[in-house]
């Protein structure tokens, strides 16, 4: 029996992950192919897309570069984390 999926850390990581998933899908990439382009492990990319992982600046830049976009496009207008 599998465990229920973990929820996103917060609304900020949920929205950030949704933006990454949308960009990856726009490019027609699987998670595995996108992870290779971003130079991160595919399991990390999956957690980011589900909002279950908060990233260091360096990894945000790697993901943006790997998905042929800018960090600003992924970050601008994200909701501010509440109570953290």
N, C-alpha and C. Protein backbone atom coordinates (compact mmCIF):
# COMPACT_ATOMS: atom_id res chain seq x y z
N UNK A 1 0.84 -1.18 0.00
CA UNK A 1 0.00 0.00 0.00
C UNK A 1 0.89 1.25 0.00
N UNK A 2 0.63 2.16 -0.90
CA UNK A 2 1.48 3.35 -1.00
C UNK A 2 0.99 4.43 -0.05
N UNK A 3 1.95 5.27 0.35
CA UNK A 3 1.63 6.39 1.23
C UNK A 3 0.98 7.50 0.42
N UNK A 4 0.14 8.32 1.06
CA UNK A 4 -0.44 9.45 0.34
C UNK A 4 0.66 10.43 -0.06
N UNK A 5 0.44 11.12 -1.16
CA UNK A 5 1.42 12.08 -1.65
C UNK A 5 1.60 13.21 -0.63
N UNK A 6 2.86 13.65 -0.50
CA UNK A 6 3.13 14.76 0.41
C UNK A 6 2.61 16.04 -0.20
N UNK A 7 2.05 16.92 0.62
CA UNK A 7 1.56 18.20 0.09
C UNK A 7 2.73 19.15 -0.21
N UNK A 8 2.47 20.20 -0.98
CA UNK A 8 3.50 21.22 -1.20
C UNK A 8 3.90 21.86 0.14
N UNK A 9 5.11 22.38 0.20
CA UNK A 9 5.58 23.04 1.42
C UNK A 9 4.72 24.26 1.74
N UNK A 10 4.37 25.01 0.70
CA UNK A 10 3.55 26.21 0.87
C UNK A 10 3.07 26.65 -0.51
N UNK A 11 2.28 27.72 -0.55
CA UNK A 11 1.74 28.20 -1.82
C UNK A 11 2.85 28.70 -2.76
N UNK A 12 3.92 29.23 -2.21
CA UNK A 12 5.03 29.72 -3.02
C UNK A 12 5.71 28.57 -3.76
N UNK A 13 6.05 27.51 -3.06
CA UNK A 13 6.71 26.38 -3.73
C UNK A 13 5.74 25.67 -4.67
N UNK A 14 4.45 25.66 -4.34
CA UNK A 14 3.46 25.03 -5.23
C UNK A 14 3.40 25.77 -6.56
N UNK A 15 3.29 27.09 -6.51
CA UNK A 15 3.21 27.90 -7.73
C UNK A 15 4.52 27.84 -8.52
N UNK A 16 5.65 27.91 -7.84
CA UNK A 16 6.95 27.81 -8.52
C UNK A 16 7.05 26.48 -9.26
N UNK A 17 6.68 25.41 -8.61
CA UNK A 17 6.71 24.09 -9.24
C UNK A 17 5.78 23.99 -10.43
N UNK A 18 4.61 24.61 -10.32
CA UNK A 18 3.66 24.60 -11.44
C UNK A 18 4.24 25.34 -12.64
N UNK A 19 4.97 26.41 -12.39
CA UNK A 19 5.60 27.15 -13.49
C UNK A 19 6.67 26.31 -14.17
N UNK A 20 7.45 25.59 -13.38
CA UNK A 20 8.49 24.74 -13.95
C UNK A 20 7.86 23.62 -14.77
N UNK A 21 6.83 22.98 -14.22
CA UNK A 21 6.15 21.90 -14.96
C UNK A 21 5.56 22.43 -16.27
N UNK A 22 4.92 23.60 -16.22
CA UNK A 22 4.33 24.18 -17.43
C UNK A 22 5.39 24.46 -18.49
N UNK A 23 6.52 24.99 -18.07
CA UNK A 23 7.60 25.29 -19.02
C UNK A 23 8.16 23.99 -19.61
N UNK A 24 8.36 22.99 -18.78
CA UNK A 24 8.87 21.70 -19.25
C UNK A 24 7.91 21.11 -20.28
N UNK A 25 6.62 21.14 -19.97
CA UNK A 25 5.62 20.59 -20.89
C UNK A 25 5.54 21.41 -22.17
N UNK A 26 5.70 22.72 -22.05
CA UNK A 26 5.73 23.60 -23.23
C UNK A 26 6.85 23.20 -24.18
N UNK A 27 7.97 22.77 -23.60
CA UNK A 27 9.12 22.34 -24.40
C UNK A 27 8.99 20.89 -24.87
N UNK A 28 7.96 20.19 -24.40
CA UNK A 28 7.76 18.81 -24.80
C UNK A 28 8.75 17.84 -24.19
N UNK A 29 9.24 18.15 -22.99
CA UNK A 29 10.25 17.33 -22.33
C UNK A 29 9.64 16.47 -21.23
N UNK A 30 10.16 15.26 -21.09
CA UNK A 30 9.83 14.44 -19.92
C UNK A 30 10.59 15.00 -18.73
N UNK A 31 10.20 14.57 -17.53
CA UNK A 31 10.96 15.01 -16.34
C UNK A 31 12.41 14.58 -16.45
N UNK A 32 12.64 13.37 -16.93
CA UNK A 32 14.01 12.86 -17.03
C UNK A 32 14.84 13.68 -18.00
N UNK A 33 14.27 13.99 -19.18
CA UNK A 33 15.01 14.78 -20.18
C UNK A 33 15.27 16.19 -19.67
N UNK A 34 14.27 16.78 -19.03
CA UNK A 34 14.44 18.13 -18.49
C UNK A 34 15.50 18.13 -17.39
N UNK A 35 15.50 17.13 -16.55
CA UNK A 35 16.49 17.05 -15.46
C UNK A 35 17.90 16.99 -16.02
N UNK A 36 18.09 16.23 -17.10
CA UNK A 36 19.41 16.15 -17.73
C UNK A 36 19.83 17.53 -18.23
N UNK A 37 18.92 18.23 -18.91
CA UNK A 37 19.22 19.57 -19.41
C UNK A 37 19.51 20.55 -18.28
N UNK A 38 18.83 20.36 -17.14
CA UNK A 38 19.01 21.26 -15.98
C UNK A 38 20.18 20.86 -15.09
N UNK A 39 20.76 19.69 -15.38
CA UNK A 39 21.88 19.16 -14.60
C UNK A 39 21.51 18.92 -13.13
N UNK A 40 20.28 18.39 -12.94
CA UNK A 40 19.86 17.96 -11.61
C UNK A 40 19.27 16.57 -11.73
N UNK A 41 19.07 15.89 -10.61
CA UNK A 41 18.50 14.54 -10.64
C UNK A 41 17.00 14.65 -10.88
N UNK A 42 16.45 13.70 -11.64
CA UNK A 42 15.02 13.74 -11.99
C UNK A 42 14.11 13.67 -10.77
N UNK A 43 14.55 12.99 -9.70
CA UNK A 43 13.70 12.95 -8.50
C UNK A 43 13.62 14.33 -7.84
N UNK A 44 14.72 15.08 -7.90
CA UNK A 44 14.70 16.44 -7.37
C UNK A 44 13.76 17.31 -8.19
N UNK A 45 13.80 17.18 -9.51
CA UNK A 45 12.91 17.96 -10.36
C UNK A 45 11.45 17.62 -10.06
N UNK A 46 11.15 16.36 -9.84
CA UNK A 46 9.79 15.96 -9.50
C UNK A 46 9.31 16.60 -8.21
N UNK A 47 10.18 16.62 -7.20
CA UNK A 47 9.81 17.24 -5.92
C UNK A 47 9.61 18.75 -6.07
N UNK A 48 10.44 19.37 -6.90
CA UNK A 48 10.29 20.80 -7.14
C UNK A 48 8.95 21.06 -7.83
N UNK A 49 8.64 20.27 -8.87
CA UNK A 49 7.38 20.46 -9.59
C UNK A 49 6.16 20.26 -8.69
N UNK A 50 6.27 19.39 -7.70
CA UNK A 50 5.15 19.16 -6.77
C UNK A 50 5.14 20.15 -5.62
N UNK A 51 6.12 21.06 -5.58
CA UNK A 51 6.18 22.06 -4.52
C UNK A 51 6.67 21.52 -3.20
N UNK A 52 7.33 20.37 -3.24
CA UNK A 52 7.79 19.72 -2.02
C UNK A 52 9.23 20.06 -1.68
N UNK A 53 9.84 20.91 -2.47
CA UNK A 53 11.24 21.23 -2.26
C UNK A 53 11.47 22.71 -2.50
N UNK A 54 12.20 23.34 -1.61
CA UNK A 54 12.62 24.72 -1.77
C UNK A 54 14.05 24.70 -2.28
N UNK A 55 14.39 25.61 -3.18
CA UNK A 55 15.69 25.55 -3.86
C UNK A 55 16.64 26.66 -3.46
N UNK A 56 17.93 26.35 -3.59
CA UNK A 56 18.97 27.36 -3.48
C UNK A 56 19.00 28.16 -4.78
N UNK A 57 19.52 29.35 -4.71
CA UNK A 57 19.63 30.23 -5.87
C UNK A 57 20.33 29.53 -7.04
N UNK A 58 21.40 28.83 -6.76
CA UNK A 58 22.17 28.17 -7.82
C UNK A 58 21.30 27.18 -8.61
N UNK A 59 20.43 26.45 -7.90
CA UNK A 59 19.58 25.48 -8.57
C UNK A 59 18.45 26.14 -9.35
N UNK A 60 17.96 27.26 -8.88
CA UNK A 60 16.96 28.01 -9.63
C UNK A 60 17.56 28.44 -10.97
N UNK A 61 18.79 28.92 -10.93
CA UNK A 61 19.47 29.36 -12.15
C UNK A 61 19.72 28.18 -13.09
N UNK A 62 20.14 27.04 -12.55
CA UNK A 62 20.36 25.85 -13.37
C UNK A 62 19.07 25.41 -14.06
N UNK A 63 17.98 25.41 -13.33
CA UNK A 63 16.69 24.99 -13.90
C UNK A 63 16.25 25.98 -14.97
N UNK A 64 16.34 27.27 -14.69
CA UNK A 64 15.94 28.27 -15.69
C UNK A 64 16.76 28.11 -16.96
N UNK A 65 18.08 27.98 -16.83
CA UNK A 65 18.95 27.81 -18.00
C UNK A 65 18.59 26.53 -18.75
N UNK A 66 18.39 25.45 -18.03
CA UNK A 66 18.06 24.17 -18.65
C UNK A 66 16.72 24.17 -19.37
N UNK A 67 15.80 25.04 -18.94
CA UNK A 67 14.48 25.13 -19.57
C UNK A 67 14.39 26.33 -20.51
N UNK A 68 15.55 26.89 -20.86
CA UNK A 68 15.63 28.01 -21.82
C UNK A 68 14.71 29.16 -21.45
N UNK A 69 14.77 29.54 -20.18
CA UNK A 69 14.01 30.69 -19.70
C UNK A 69 14.89 31.47 -18.73
N UNK A 70 14.31 32.43 -18.06
CA UNK A 70 15.07 33.23 -17.10
C UNK A 70 14.58 32.94 -15.68
N UNK A 71 15.44 33.14 -14.70
CA UNK A 71 14.97 32.99 -13.31
C UNK A 71 13.79 33.92 -13.03
N UNK A 72 13.82 35.12 -13.58
CA UNK A 72 12.73 36.06 -13.36
C UNK A 72 11.39 35.53 -13.85
N UNK A 73 11.40 34.87 -14.99
CA UNK A 73 10.15 34.32 -15.53
C UNK A 73 9.56 33.27 -14.58
N UNK A 74 10.42 32.57 -13.87
CA UNK A 74 9.96 31.55 -12.93
C UNK A 74 9.57 32.13 -11.57
N UNK A 75 10.15 33.29 -11.22
CA UNK A 75 9.99 33.84 -9.87
C UNK A 75 9.06 35.05 -9.77
N UNK A 76 9.01 35.87 -10.81
CA UNK A 76 8.24 37.12 -10.73
C UNK A 76 6.79 36.85 -10.36
N UNK A 77 6.32 37.58 -9.35
CA UNK A 77 4.93 37.51 -8.95
C UNK A 77 4.53 36.32 -8.09
N UNK A 78 5.51 35.53 -7.65
CA UNK A 78 5.15 34.42 -6.76
C UNK A 78 4.57 34.96 -5.45
N UNK A 79 3.64 34.22 -4.86
CA UNK A 79 3.12 34.67 -3.56
C UNK A 79 4.20 34.60 -2.49
N UNK A 80 4.17 35.56 -1.59
CA UNK A 80 5.12 35.58 -0.49
C UNK A 80 4.78 34.48 0.50
N UNK A 81 5.79 33.72 0.97
CA UNK A 81 5.50 32.69 1.98
C UNK A 81 4.92 33.33 3.24
N UNK A 82 3.96 32.65 3.84
CA UNK A 82 3.29 33.15 5.03
C UNK A 82 3.78 32.40 6.25
N UNK A 83 4.12 33.12 7.31
CA UNK A 83 4.45 32.51 8.60
C UNK A 83 5.71 31.68 8.60
N UNK A 84 6.68 32.04 7.81
CA UNK A 84 7.92 31.24 7.81
C UNK A 84 9.08 32.08 8.26
